Amino acid sequence: MKTKIKVALIYKNNYPAFQPDFFERSSFDFFIHALKRNSQMEILYFGVDGDYFDTTKLQGTCDVILLANNYTTATPEILDGIHNTGIPVLCRTGDPHSAKKFNQISYHKKWKIDCYFGTIPSSYFYQFYPQDFMYREIIFGLESSLYQNLRPYKERIKDKILNSGNVGKLSVKSRVANSILNPKRNAWYFYKLRTICNKLPYVDHAGMKGSKYVNDDYPSYLSRYRSAIAATTLYPTQKYWEIPAAGCLTFMEITQKNDGYYLGFKDGETAIFINEKNYKDKFEEFLNDPDNTKWEEIANAGREYVMNNLTNDKAVERLVELMKKLL
């Protein structure tokens, strides 16, 4: 395809994730910045105040309609004329486990969605969505420019391992209460290994305060440490590519349960794979010999892998290829 693909991004102006001061930048960086940089795409932004957008005005002006999310926090409820445009609709989706709670499957026909994409593994997506829905894994969210000129590996803290993000409370009372009142929706359920890592005296933890990260400049914070933990129970999250991008030796929970193999990291080469049985041994192997050159070699290889494969610009390239298949 020689000409640029004209893409109409439809979104609500008050969508929290598109606000520049939103605590989590991945959507803003990807949709508002990275899409503009690809030479094969011309992105047209249609911000909407309210819940109505007339899609018929897009006929003859764009090739693909892109939706920021398959829920009304991001997309106007009424996309008038969407079934008559003949334009394929591509939609990012967030946490699949919320699909039933927010009745997101109902928007599949209502908005004529042809294909979904996201960072979640397809195996997890199809636990909550019908098998005949088209879905593609596209890893986005990392702006490579934010991960430049960080502290050199040898100048970082080497006797501690960083653990960041939400975790469950370690008290038995809290865990029992959550299992009864909030089953399958609590931090112990989603971040079990990340949570139990906090019991270890050599693990430093930075969590969240309200809806804000404790450390706003996350790349610089990561680069204080030689090593850090990326651990989620059911599917990989953005930390899996943010941490190695910062040049950290990444202790990465990769299991059959979270199906993290699709990311492409290799154990002992670009990351150190951990699970609930071996994590202490893996940590202590590093801490007992932190100046062994192999750790820096793995950290550097992990960073190189991310910068070559898992940045926003690479994600846009994959999105363009997906669009070509829909046209």
C-alpha atoms as a PDB file:
ATOM      1  CA  MET A   1       0.000   0.000   0.000  1.00  0.00           C
ATOM      2  CA  LYS A   2       1.740   3.140  -1.223  1.00  0.00           C
ATOM      3  CA  THR A   3      -0.606   5.812   0.115  1.00  0.00           C
ATOM      4  CA  LYS A   4      -0.973   6.548   3.791  1.00  0.00           C
ATOM      5  CA  ILE A   5      -3.759   4.881   5.721  1.00  0.00           C
ATOM      6  CA  LYS A   6      -6.128   7.553   6.977  1.00  0.00           C
ATOM      7  CA  VAL A   7      -7.238   6.702  10.484  1.00  0.00           C
ATOM      8  CA  ALA A   8     -10.011   8.425  12.435  1.00  0.00           C
ATOM      9  CA  LEU A   9      -9.529   8.150  16.190  1.00  0.00           C
ATOM     10  CA  ILE A  10     -12.852   8.758  17.945  1.00  0.00           C
ATOM     11  CA  TYR A  11     -12.724   9.456  21.659  1.00  0.00           C
ATOM     12  CA  LYS A  12     -14.312  11.511  24.416  1.00  0.00           C
ATOM     13  CA  ASN A  13     -12.450  14.673  25.331  1.00  0.00           C
ATOM     14  CA  ASN A  14     -12.808  13.904  29.029  1.00  0.00           C
ATOM     15  CA  TYR A  15     -11.392  10.372  28.759  1.00  0.00           C
ATOM     16  CA  PRO A  16      -9.116  10.253  31.833  1.00  0.00           C
ATOM     17  CA  ALA A  17      -6.352   8.208  30.198  1.00  0.00           C
ATOM     18  CA  PHE A  18      -5.922  10.858  27.475  1.00  0.00           C
ATOM     19  CA  GLN A  19      -5.261  13.638  29.967  1.00  0.00           C
ATOM     20  CA  PRO A  20      -1.568  14.630  30.123  1.00  0.00           C
ATOM     21  CA  ASP A  21      -1.603  14.627  33.942  1.00  0.00           C
ATOM     22  CA  PHE A  22      -3.173  11.158  34.257  1.00  0.00           C
ATOM     23  CA  PHE A  23      -1.065   8.984  36.577  1.00  0.00           C
ATOM     24  CA  GLU A  24      -0.595   6.247  33.963  1.00  0.00           C
ATOM     25  CA  ARG A  25       0.825   7.610  30.687  1.00  0.00           C
ATOM     26  CA  SER A  26       0.732   4.610  28.342  1.00  0.00           C
ATOM     27  CA  SER A  27      -2.504   5.472  26.513  1.00  0.00           C
ATOM     28  CA  PHE A  28      -1.662   9.168  26.198  1.00  0.00           C
ATOM     29  CA  ASP A  29       1.837   8.476  24.886  1.00  0.00           C
ATOM     30  CA  PHE A  30       0.634   5.860  22.410  1.00  0.00           C
ATOM     31  CA  PHE A  31      -2.535   7.411  21.000  1.00  0.00           C
ATOM     32  CA  ILE A  32      -1.686  11.104  21.234  1.00  0.00           C
ATOM     33  CA  HIS A  33       2.025  11.008  20.397  1.00  0.00           C
ATOM     34  CA  ALA A  34       3.203   7.747  18.821  1.00  0.00           C
ATOM     35  CA  LEU A  35       0.455   7.379  16.205  1.00  0.00           C
ATOM     36  CA  LYS A  36       1.530  10.669  14.620  1.00  0.00           C
ATOM     37  CA  ARG A  37       5.079   9.489  14.051  1.00  0.00           C
ATOM     38  CA  ASN A  38       4.408   6.622  11.665  1.00  0.00           C
ATOM     39  CA  SER A  39       4.993   7.515   8.025  1.00  0.00           C
ATOM     40  CA  GLN A  40       2.418   5.002   6.750  1.00  0.00           C
ATOM     41  CA  MET A  41      -0.462   6.495   8.714  1.00  0.00           C
ATOM     42  CA  GLU A  42      -2.315   9.794   8.787  1.00  0.00           C
ATOM     43  CA  ILE A  43      -4.127  10.097  12.086  1.00  0.00           C
ATOM     44  CA  LEU A  44      -7.229  12.280  12.365  1.00  0.00           C
ATOM     45  CA  TYR A  45      -8.356  13.103  15.908  1.00  0.00           C
ATOM     46  CA  PHE A  46     -12.070  13.423  16.617  1.00  0.00           C
ATOM     47  CA  GLY A  47     -12.512  14.434  20.245  1.00  0.00           C
ATOM     48  CA  VAL A  48     -16.136  14.504  21.354  1.00  0.00           C
ATOM     49  CA  ASP A  49     -17.890  16.384  24.133  1.00  0.00           C
ATOM     50  CA  GLY A  50     -20.723  14.119  25.166  1.00  0.00           C
ATOM     51  CA  ASP A  51     -22.008  10.771  23.949  1.00  0.00           C
ATOM     52  CA  TYR A  52     -22.887  11.353  20.291  1.00  0.00           C
ATOM     53  CA  PHE A  53     -20.779  11.264  17.139  1.00  0.00           C
ATOM     54  CA  ASP A  54     -22.008  11.203  13.544  1.00  0.00           C
ATOM     55  CA  THR A  55     -19.753   8.702  11.796  1.00  0.00           C
ATOM     56  CA  THR A  56     -21.297   9.289   8.375  1.00  0.00           C
ATOM     57  CA  LYS A  57     -19.135  12.382   7.981  1.00  0.00           C
ATOM     58  CA  LEU A  58     -16.113  10.076   7.902  1.00  0.00           C
ATOM     59  CA  GLN A  59     -17.126   8.424   4.630  1.00  0.00           C
ATOM     60  CA  GLY A  60     -14.620   9.273   1.950  1.00  0.00           C
ATOM     61  CA  THR A  61     -12.240  10.873   4.450  1.00  0.00           C
ATOM     62  CA  CYS A  62     -10.737   7.876   6.279  1.00  0.00           C
ATOM     63  CA  ASP A  63      -9.902   4.213   5.773  1.00  0.00           C
ATOM     64  CA  VAL A  64     -10.097   2.927   9.356  1.00  0.00           C
ATOM     65  CA  ILE A  65     -11.983   3.966  12.480  1.00  0.00           C
ATOM     66  CA  LEU A  66      -9.974   3.566  15.679  1.00  0.00           C
ATOM     67  CA  LEU A  67     -11.639   3.498  19.100  1.00  0.00           C
ATOM     68  CA  ALA A  68      -9.654   4.217  22.246  1.00  0.00           C
ATOM     69  CA  ASN A  69     -11.500   1.595  24.296  1.00  0.00           C
ATOM     70  CA  ASN A  70     -14.635  -0.530  24.096  1.00  0.00           C
ATOM     71  CA  TYR A  71     -16.418   1.305  26.882  1.00  0.00           C
ATOM     72  CA  THR A  72     -18.149   4.641  27.213  1.00  0.00           C
ATOM     73  CA  THR A  73     -15.543   6.253  29.441  1.00  0.00           C
ATOM     74  CA  ALA A  74     -13.455   6.512  26.279  1.00  0.00           C
ATOM     75  CA  THR A  75     -15.905   6.235  23.371  1.00  0.00           C
ATOM     76  CA  PRO A  76     -19.195   8.078  22.781  1.00  0.00           C
ATOM     77  CA  GLU A  77     -22.200   5.846  23.470  1.00  0.00           C
ATOM     78  CA  ILE A  78     -23.800   6.644  20.119  1.00  0.00           C
ATOM     79  CA  LEU A  79     -21.719   6.258  16.968  1.00  0.00           C
ATOM     80  CA  ASP A  80     -24.478   7.236  14.602  1.00  0.00           C
ATOM     81  CA  GLY A  81     -24.370   5.553  11.189  1.00  0.00           C
ATOM     82  CA  ILE A  82     -21.468   3.267  12.044  1.00  0.00           C
ATOM     83  CA  HIS A  83     -23.150   0.297  10.369  1.00  0.00           C
ATOM     84  CA  ASN A  84     -23.544   2.163   7.096  1.00  0.00           C
ATOM     85  CA  THR A  85     -20.064   3.585   6.647  1.00  0.00           C
ATOM     86  CA  GLY A  86     -18.390   0.440   5.347  1.00  0.00           C
ATOM     87  CA  ILE A  87     -15.271   1.492   7.281  1.00  0.00           C
ATOM     88  CA  PRO A  88     -13.523  -1.190   9.381  1.00  0.00           C
ATOM     89  CA  VAL A  89     -13.459  -0.494  13.117  1.00  0.00           C
ATOM     90  CA  LEU A  90     -10.433  -1.312  15.258  1.00  0.00           C
ATOM     91  CA  CYS A  91     -10.667  -1.031  19.034  1.00  0.00           C
ATOM     92  CA  ARG A  92      -8.224  -1.172  21.921  1.00  0.00           C
ATOM     93  CA  THR A  93      -9.479  -3.160  24.874  1.00  0.00           C
ATOM     94  CA  GLY A  94      -8.409  -3.022  28.485  1.00  0.00           C
ATOM     95  CA  ASP A  95      -8.860  -5.586  31.240  1.00  0.00           C
ATOM     96  CA  PRO A  96     -10.952  -8.442  29.770  1.00  0.00           C
ATOM     97  CA  HIS A  97     -12.145  -9.521  33.217  1.00  0.00           C
ATOM     98  CA  SER A  98     -14.201  -6.308  33.351  1.00  0.00           C
ATOM     99  CA  ALA A  99     -16.131  -7.126  30.171  1.00  0.00           C
ATOM    100  CA  LYS A 100     -19.121  -8.632  31.963  1.00  0.00           C
ATOM    101  CA  LYS A 101     -19.218  -6.008  34.715  1.00  0.00           C
ATOM    102  CA  PHE A 102     -19.415  -3.141  32.196  1.00  0.00           C
ATOM    103  CA  ASN A 103     -21.399  -5.051  29.560  1.00  0.00           C
ATOM    104  CA  GLN A 104     -18.625  -4.381  27.043  1.00  0.00           C
ATOM    105  CA  ILE A 105     -19.531  -7.263  24.757  1.00  0.00           C
ATOM    106  CA  SER A 106     -22.757  -5.415  23.876  1.00  0.00           C
ATOM    107  CA  TYR A 107     -20.686  -2.741  22.133  1.00  0.00           C
ATOM    108  CA  HIS A 108     -19.221  -5.266  19.715  1.00  0.00           C
ATOM    109  CA  LYS A 109     -22.298  -5.154  17.472  1.00  0.00           C
ATOM    110  CA  LYS A 110     -23.428  -1.693  18.477  1.00  0.00           C
ATOM    111  CA  TRP A 111     -20.148  -0.150  17.309  1.00  0.00           C
ATOM    112  CA  LYS A 112     -19.478  -2.743  14.564  1.00  0.00           C
ATOM    113  CA  ILE A 113     -16.047  -3.630  15.946  1.00  0.00           C
ATOM    114  CA  ASP A 114     -14.057  -5.746  13.492  1.00  0.00           C
ATOM    115  CA  CYS A 115     -10.956  -6.350  15.592  1.00  0.00           C
ATOM    116  CA  TYR A 116      -9.574  -5.686  19.068  1.00  0.00           C
ATOM    117  CA  PHE A 117      -6.006  -5.181  20.165  1.00  0.00           C
ATOM    118  CA  GLY A 118      -4.200  -4.828  23.471  1.00  0.00           C
ATOM    119  CA  THR A 119      -1.240  -5.879  25.578  1.00  0.00           C
ATOM    120  CA  ILE A 120      -3.091  -8.753  27.249  1.00  0.00           C
ATOM    121  CA  PRO A 121      -2.269 -12.289  26.000  1.00  0.00           C
ATOM    122  CA  SER A 122      -4.930 -13.691  23.700  1.00  0.00           C
ATOM    123  CA  SER A 123      -5.412 -16.670  26.016  1.00  0.00           C
ATOM    124  CA  TYR A 124      -6.687 -14.309  28.728  1.00  0.00           C
ATOM    125  CA  PHE A 125      -8.789 -12.233  26.328  1.00  0.00           C
ATOM    126  CA  TYR A 126     -10.712 -15.305  25.193  1.00  0.00           C
ATOM    127  CA  GLN A 127     -11.541 -16.330  28.733  1.00  0.00           C
ATOM    128  CA  PHE A 128     -14.007 -13.431  28.731  1.00  0.00           C
ATOM    129  CA  TYR A 129     -14.815 -12.723  25.068  1.00  0.00           C
ATOM    130  CA  PRO A 130     -16.327 -15.003  22.396  1.00  0.00           C
ATOM    131  CA  GLN A 131     -13.887 -17.040  20.326  1.00  0.00           C
ATOM    132  CA  ASP A 132     -15.139 -15.510  17.074  1.00  0.00           C
ATOM    133  CA  PHE A 133     -14.028 -12.003  18.108  1.00  0.00           C
ATOM    134  CA  MET A 134     -10.782 -11.067  16.372  1.00  0.00           C
ATOM    135  CA  TYR A 135      -8.012 -10.018  18.760  1.00  0.00           C
ATOM    136  CA  ARG A 136      -4.329  -9.226  18.287  1.00  0.00           C
ATOM    137  CA  GLU A 137      -1.596  -8.775  20.897  1.00  0.00           C
ATOM    138  CA  ILE A 138       0.123  -5.424  20.400  1.00  0.00           C
ATOM    139  CA  ILE A 139       2.506  -4.322  23.132  1.00  0.00           C
ATOM    140  CA  PHE A 140       2.299  -0.547  23.498  1.00  0.00           C
ATOM    141  CA  GLY A 141       2.872   2.097  26.140  1.00  0.00           C
ATOM    142  CA  LEU A 142       6.631   2.530  26.265  1.00  0.00           C
ATOM    143  CA  GLU A 143       8.084   5.781  24.953  1.00  0.00           C
ATOM    144  CA  SER A 144      11.756   5.050  24.335  1.00  0.00           C
ATOM    145  CA  SER A 145      12.688   8.731  24.730  1.00  0.00           C
ATOM    146  CA  LEU A 146      11.766   8.533  28.424  1.00  0.00           C
ATOM    147  CA  TYR A 147      14.311   5.771  28.992  1.00  0.00           C
ATOM    148  CA  GLN A 148      17.454   7.536  27.790  1.00  0.00           C
ATOM    149  CA  ASN A 149      20.404   8.901  29.796  1.00  0.00           C
ATOM    150  CA  LEU A 150      19.581   6.909  32.910  1.00  0.00           C
ATOM    151  CA  ARG A 151      21.982   6.100  35.727  1.00  0.00           C
ATOM    152  CA  PRO A 152      24.694   3.600  34.692  1.00  0.00           C
ATOM    153  CA  TYR A 153      24.187   0.059  35.952  1.00  0.00           C
ATOM    154  CA  LYS A 154      27.354  -0.045  38.071  1.00  0.00           C
ATOM    155  CA  GLU A 155      26.312   3.093  39.990  1.00  0.00           C
ATOM    156  CA  ARG A 156      23.002   1.630  41.123  1.00  0.00           C
ATOM    157  CA  ILE A 157      21.887   0.047  44.406  1.00  0.00           C
ATOM    158  CA  LYS A 158      23.012  -3.583  44.357  1.00  0.00           C
ATOM    159  CA  ASP A 159      22.065  -4.959  47.789  1.00  0.00           C
ATOM    160  CA  LYS A 160      18.329  -4.387  47.366  1.00  0.00           C
ATOM    161  CA  ILE A 161      15.767  -5.444  44.750  1.00  0.00           C
ATOM    162  CA  LEU A 162      13.036  -2.991  43.778  1.00  0.00           C
ATOM    163  CA  ASN A 163       9.382  -4.011  43.893  1.00  0.00           C
ATOM    164  CA  SER A 164       6.876  -1.436  42.619  1.00  0.00           C
ATOM    165  CA  GLY A 165       3.140  -1.118  42.107  1.00  0.00           C
ATOM    166  CA  ASN A 166       0.054  -2.189  44.006  1.00  0.00           C
ATOM    167  CA  VAL A 167       0.267  -5.125  46.386  1.00  0.00           C
ATOM    168  CA  GLY A 168      -2.034  -6.797  48.875  1.00  0.00           C
ATOM    169  CA  LYS A 169      -1.809  -6.194  52.594  1.00  0.00           C
ATOM    170  CA  LEU A 170       0.204  -8.882  54.329  1.00  0.00           C
ATOM    171  CA  SER A 171      -2.085  -9.276  57.350  1.00  0.00           C
ATOM    172  CA  VAL A 172      -4.167 -12.451  57.542  1.00  0.00           C
ATOM    173  CA  LYS A 173      -7.224 -10.374  58.449  1.00  0.00           C
ATOM    174  CA  SER A 174      -6.974  -8.317  55.251  1.00  0.00           C
ATOM    175  CA  ARG A 175      -6.439 -11.337  53.058  1.00  0.00           C
ATOM    176  CA  VAL A 176      -9.431 -13.209  54.515  1.00  0.00           C
ATOM    177  CA  ALA A 177     -11.655 -10.134  54.213  1.00  0.00           C
ATOM    178  CA  ASN A 178     -10.719  -9.619  50.569  1.00  0.00           C
ATOM    179  CA  SER A 179     -11.286 -13.271  49.719  1.00  0.00           C
ATOM    180  CA  ILE A 180     -14.838 -12.969  51.064  1.00  0.00           C
ATOM    181  CA  LEU A 181     -15.832  -9.432  50.106  1.00  0.00           C
ATOM    182  CA  ASN A 182     -13.833  -8.956  46.930  1.00  0.00           C
ATOM    183  CA  PRO A 183     -12.909 -12.343  45.456  1.00  0.00           C
ATOM    184  CA  LYS A 184     -11.024 -12.295  42.151  1.00  0.00           C
ATOM    185  CA  ARG A 185     -10.831  -8.493  42.308  1.00  0.00           C
ATOM    186  CA  ASN A 186      -8.171  -7.853  44.934  1.00  0.00           C
ATOM    187  CA  ALA A 187      -4.428  -7.318  44.944  1.00  0.00           C
ATOM    188  CA  TRP A 188      -3.700 -10.776  46.353  1.00  0.00           C
ATOM    189  CA  TYR A 189      -5.547 -12.299  43.413  1.00  0.00           C
ATOM    190  CA  PHE A 190      -3.773 -10.256  40.721  1.00  0.00           C
ATOM    191  CA  TYR A 191      -0.380  -9.716  42.408  1.00  0.00           C
ATOM    192  CA  LYS A 192       0.230 -12.656  44.724  1.00  0.00           C
ATOM    193  CA  LEU A 193       3.949 -13.116  44.051  1.00  0.00           C
ATOM    194  CA  ARG A 194       4.575  -9.367  43.984  1.00  0.00           C
ATOM    195  CA  THR A 195       2.872  -9.163  47.373  1.00  0.00           C
ATOM    196  CA  ILE A 196       4.765 -11.975  49.091  1.00  0.00           C
ATOM    197  CA  CYS A 197       8.075 -10.598  47.810  1.00  0.00           C
ATOM    198  CA  ASN A 198       7.540  -7.710  50.223  1.00  0.00           C
ATOM    199  CA  LYS A 199       8.123 -10.082  53.142  1.00  0.00           C
ATOM    200  CA  LEU A 200      11.786 -10.275  52.207  1.00  0.00           C
ATOM    201  CA  PRO A 201      14.141  -7.859  54.004  1.00  0.00           C
ATOM    202  CA  TYR A 202      16.152  -7.100  50.873  1.00  0.00           C
ATOM    203  CA  VAL A 203      13.133  -6.045  48.780  1.00  0.00           C
ATOM    204  CA  ASP A 204      12.357  -2.317  48.575  1.00  0.00           C
ATOM    205  CA  HIS A 205       8.763  -1.509  47.694  1.00  0.00           C
ATOM    206  CA  ALA A 206       7.234   1.637  46.206  1.00  0.00           C
ATOM    207  CA  GLY A 207       3.476   1.469  45.816  1.00  0.00           C
ATOM    208  CA  MET A 208       0.786   3.980  44.965  1.00  0.00           C
ATOM    209  CA  LYS A 209      -0.747   6.755  47.019  1.00  0.00           C
ATOM    210  CA  GLY A 210      -4.352   7.091  45.953  1.00  0.00           C
ATOM    211  CA  SER A 211      -4.291   7.191  42.151  1.00  0.00           C
ATOM    212  CA  LYS A 212      -0.724   8.487  41.927  1.00  0.00           C
ATOM    213  CA  TYR A 213       2.541   6.633  41.781  1.00  0.00           C
ATOM    214  CA  VAL A 214       4.818   7.418  44.690  1.00  0.00           C
ATOM    215  CA  ASN A 215       7.544   8.260  42.197  1.00  0.00           C
ATOM    216  CA  ASP A 216       6.226  10.198  39.180  1.00  0.00           C
ATOM    217  CA  ASP A 217       9.465   9.823  37.216  1.00  0.00           C
ATOM    218  CA  TYR A 218       9.310   6.061  37.041  1.00  0.00           C
ATOM    219  CA  PRO A 219      12.252   5.487  34.648  1.00  0.00           C
ATOM    220  CA  SER A 220      14.617   7.478  36.884  1.00  0.00           C
ATOM    221  CA  TYR A 221      13.328   5.702  39.960  1.00  0.00           C
ATOM    222  CA  LEU A 222      13.901   2.309  38.362  1.00  0.00           C
ATOM    223  CA  SER A 223      17.424   3.312  37.448  1.00  0.00           C
ATOM    224  CA  ARG A 224      18.370   3.695  41.104  1.00  0.00           C
ATOM    225  CA  TYR A 225      18.449  -0.113  41.288  1.00  0.00           C
ATOM    226  CA  ARG A 226      20.361  -2.786  39.452  1.00  0.00           C
ATOM    227  CA  SER A 227      17.449  -5.190  39.723  1.00  0.00           C
ATOM    228  CA  ALA A 228      13.650  -5.038  39.948  1.00  0.00           C
ATOM    229  CA  ILE A 229      10.619  -7.324  40.027  1.00  0.00           C
ATOM    230  CA  ALA A 230       7.884  -7.644  37.390  1.00  0.00           C
ATOM    231  CA  ALA A 231       5.249  -9.989  38.798  1.00  0.00           C
ATOM    232  CA  THR A 232       1.571 -10.344  37.972  1.00  0.00           C
ATOM    233  CA  THR A 233      -0.372 -13.536  38.467  1.00  0.00           C
ATOM    234  CA  LEU A 234      -2.772 -13.730  35.536  1.00  0.00           C
ATOM    235  CA  TYR A 235      -1.156 -11.754  32.690  1.00  0.00           C
ATOM    236  CA  PRO A 236       1.878  -9.502  32.155  1.00  0.00           C
ATOM    237  CA  THR A 237       1.494  -5.777  32.708  1.00  0.00           C
ATOM    238  CA  GLN A 238       3.481  -2.798  31.500  1.00  0.00           C
ATOM    239  CA  LYS A 239       6.175  -3.263  34.132  1.00  0.00           C
ATOM    240  CA  TYR A 240       7.365  -6.251  32.122  1.00  0.00           C
ATOM    241  CA  TRP A 241       8.752  -3.944  29.440  1.00  0.00           C
ATOM    242  CA  GLU A 242       9.293  -0.785  31.496  1.00  0.00           C
ATOM    243  CA  ILE A 243      11.708  -2.382  33.962  1.00  0.00           C
ATOM    244  CA  PRO A 244      14.119  -3.887  31.414  1.00  0.00           C
ATOM    245  CA  ALA A 245      13.885  -0.667  29.359  1.00  0.00           C
ATOM    246  CA  ALA A 246      15.404   1.120  32.358  1.00  0.00           C
ATOM    247  CA  GLY A 247      18.409  -1.202  32.217  1.00  0.00           C
ATOM    248  CA  CYS A 248      17.439  -3.259  35.259  1.00  0.00           C
ATOM    249  CA  LEU A 249      18.045  -6.943  35.679  1.00  0.00           C
ATOM    250  CA  THR A 250      14.394  -7.984  35.618  1.00  0.00           C
ATOM    251  CA  PHE A 251      13.085 -10.762  37.823  1.00  0.00           C
ATOM    252  CA  MET A 252      10.054 -11.623  35.740  1.00  0.00           C
ATOM    253  CA  GLU A 253       7.170 -13.865  36.758  1.00  0.00           C
ATOM    254  CA  ILE A 254       6.596 -16.045  33.703  1.00  0.00           C
ATOM    255  CA  THR A 255       4.317 -19.049  34.181  1.00  0.00           C
ATOM    256  CA  GLN A 256       1.774 -21.162  32.363  1.00  0.00           C
ATOM    257  CA  LYS A 257      -0.880 -19.284  34.333  1.00  0.00           C
ATOM    258  CA  ASN A 258       0.039 -15.768  33.181  1.00  0.00           C
ATOM    259  CA  ASP A 259       1.135 -16.961  29.721  1.00  0.00           C
ATOM    260  CA  GLY A 260       3.906 -14.385  29.584  1.00  0.00           C
ATOM    261  CA  TYR A 261       5.952 -16.255  26.992  1.00  0.00           C
ATOM    262  CA  TYR A 262       4.348 -14.279  24.131  1.00  0.00           C
ATOM    263  CA  LEU A 263       6.435 -11.252  25.126  1.00  0.00           C
ATOM    264  CA  GLY A 264       9.527 -12.968  23.784  1.00  0.00           C
ATOM    265  CA  PHE A 265      11.902 -12.675  26.750  1.00  0.00           C
ATOM    266  CA  LYS A 266      14.303 -15.561  27.327  1.00  0.00           C
ATOM    267  CA  ASP A 267      15.202 -16.868  30.760  1.00  0.00           C
ATOM    268  CA  GLY A 268      18.828 -16.235  31.631  1.00  0.00           C
ATOM    269  CA  GLU A 269      19.346 -14.161  28.492  1.00  0.00           C
ATOM    270  CA  THR A 270      17.051 -11.127  28.612  1.00  0.00           C
ATOM    271  CA  ALA A 271      15.429 -11.650  32.034  1.00  0.00           C
ATOM    272  CA  ILE A 272      15.409 -13.991  35.027  1.00  0.00           C
ATOM    273  CA  PHE A 273      12.175 -15.966  35.168  1.00  0.00           C
ATOM    274  CA  ILE A 274      10.682 -16.490  38.607  1.00  0.00           C
ATOM    275  CA  ASN A 275       7.672 -18.209  40.109  1.00  0.00           C
ATOM    276  CA  GLU A 276       6.256 -18.857  43.567  1.00  0.00           C
ATOM    277  CA  LYS A 277       8.622 -21.797  44.111  1.00  0.00           C
ATOM    278  CA  ASN A 278      11.975 -20.408  42.989  1.00  0.00           C
ATOM    279  CA  TYR A 279      11.859 -16.642  43.552  1.00  0.00           C
ATOM    280  CA  LYS A 280      13.894 -16.609  46.764  1.00  0.00           C
ATOM    281  CA  ASP A 281      16.636 -18.748  45.249  1.00  0.00           C
ATOM    282  CA  LYS A 282      16.791 -16.520  42.165  1.00  0.00           C
ATOM    283  CA  PHE A 283      16.985 -13.349  44.255  1.00  0.00           C
ATOM    284  CA  GLU A 284      19.685 -14.714  46.533  1.00  0.00           C
ATOM    285  CA  GLU A 285      21.795 -15.967  43.630  1.00  0.00           C
ATOM    286  CA  PHE A 286      21.990 -12.366  42.439  1.00  0.00           C
ATOM    287  CA  LEU A 287      22.458 -10.782  45.880  1.00  0.00           C
ATOM    288  CA  ASN A 288      25.228 -13.202  46.838  1.00  0.00           C
ATOM    289  CA  ASP A 289      27.272 -12.169  43.797  1.00  0.00           C
ATOM    290  CA  PRO A 290      25.885  -8.814  42.554  1.00  0.00           C
ATOM    291  CA  ASP A 291      29.074  -7.803  40.737  1.00  0.00           C
ATOM    292  CA  ASN A 292      29.120 -10.878  38.533  1.00  0.00           C
ATOM    293  CA  THR A 293      29.247  -9.520  34.993  1.00  0.00           C
ATOM    294  CA  LYS A 294      26.530 -11.883  33.804  1.00  0.00           C
ATOM    295  CA  TRP A 295      23.845  -9.839  35.581  1.00  0.00           C
ATOM    296  CA  GLU A 296      24.739  -6.658  33.740  1.00  0.00           C
ATOM    297  CA  GLU A 297      24.912  -8.597  30.480  1.00  0.00           C
ATOM    298  CA  ILE A 298      21.371  -9.905  31.008  1.00  0.00           C
ATOM    299  CA  ALA A 299      20.140  -6.429  31.986  1.00  0.00           C
ATOM    300  CA  ASN A 300      21.679  -4.909  28.860  1.00  0.00           C
ATOM    301  CA  ALA A 301      20.255  -7.651  26.654  1.00  0.00           C
ATOM    302  CA  GLY A 302      16.802  -7.128  28.170  1.00  0.00           C
ATOM    303  CA  ARG A 303      16.969  -3.415  27.481  1.00  0.00           C
ATOM    304  CA  GLU A 304      18.113  -4.004  23.919  1.00  0.00           C
ATOM    305  CA  TYR A 305      15.288  -6.484  23.336  1.00  0.00           C
ATOM    306  CA  VAL A 306      12.665  -4.020  24.567  1.00  0.00           C
ATOM    307  CA  MET A 307      14.047  -1.101  22.574  1.00  0.00           C
ATOM    308  CA  ASN A 308      14.099  -3.190  19.411  1.00  0.00           C
ATOM    309  CA  ASN A 309      10.726  -4.877  19.839  1.00  0.00           C
ATOM    310  CA  LEU A 310       8.411  -3.442  22.514  1.00  0.00           C
ATOM    311  CA  THR A 311       8.349   0.345  22.102  1.00  0.00           C
ATOM    312  CA  ASN A 312       5.412   2.483  21.017  1.00  0.00           C
ATOM    313  CA  ASP A 313       6.882   2.937  17.550  1.00  0.00           C
ATOM    314  CA  LYS A 314       7.105  -0.830  17.072  1.00  0.00           C
ATOM    315  CA  ALA A 315       3.545  -1.140  18.337  1.00  0.00           C
ATOM    316  CA  VAL A 316       2.312   1.369  15.760  1.00  0.00           C
ATOM    317  CA  GLU A 317       4.085  -0.600  13.024  1.00  0.00           C
ATOM    318  CA  ARG A 318       2.184  -3.720  14.106  1.00  0.00           C
ATOM    319  CA  LEU A 319      -1.041  -1.735  14.256  1.00  0.00           C
ATOM    320  CA  VAL A 320      -0.495  -0.547  10.675  1.00  0.00           C
ATOM    321  CA  GLU A 321       0.032  -4.136   9.536  1.00  0.00           C
ATOM    322  CA  LEU A 322      -3.206  -5.114  11.241  1.00  0.00           C
ATOM    323  CA  MET A 323      -5.043  -2.270   9.520  1.00  0.00           C
ATOM    324  CA  LYS A 324      -3.754  -3.424   6.141  1.00  0.00           C
ATOM    325  CA  LYS A 325      -5.291  -6.839   6.781  1.00  0.00           C
ATOM    326  CA  LEU A 326      -8.652  -5.250   7.560  1.00  0.00           C
ATOM    327  CA  LEU A 327      -8.719  -3.152   4.381  1.00  0.00           C
END
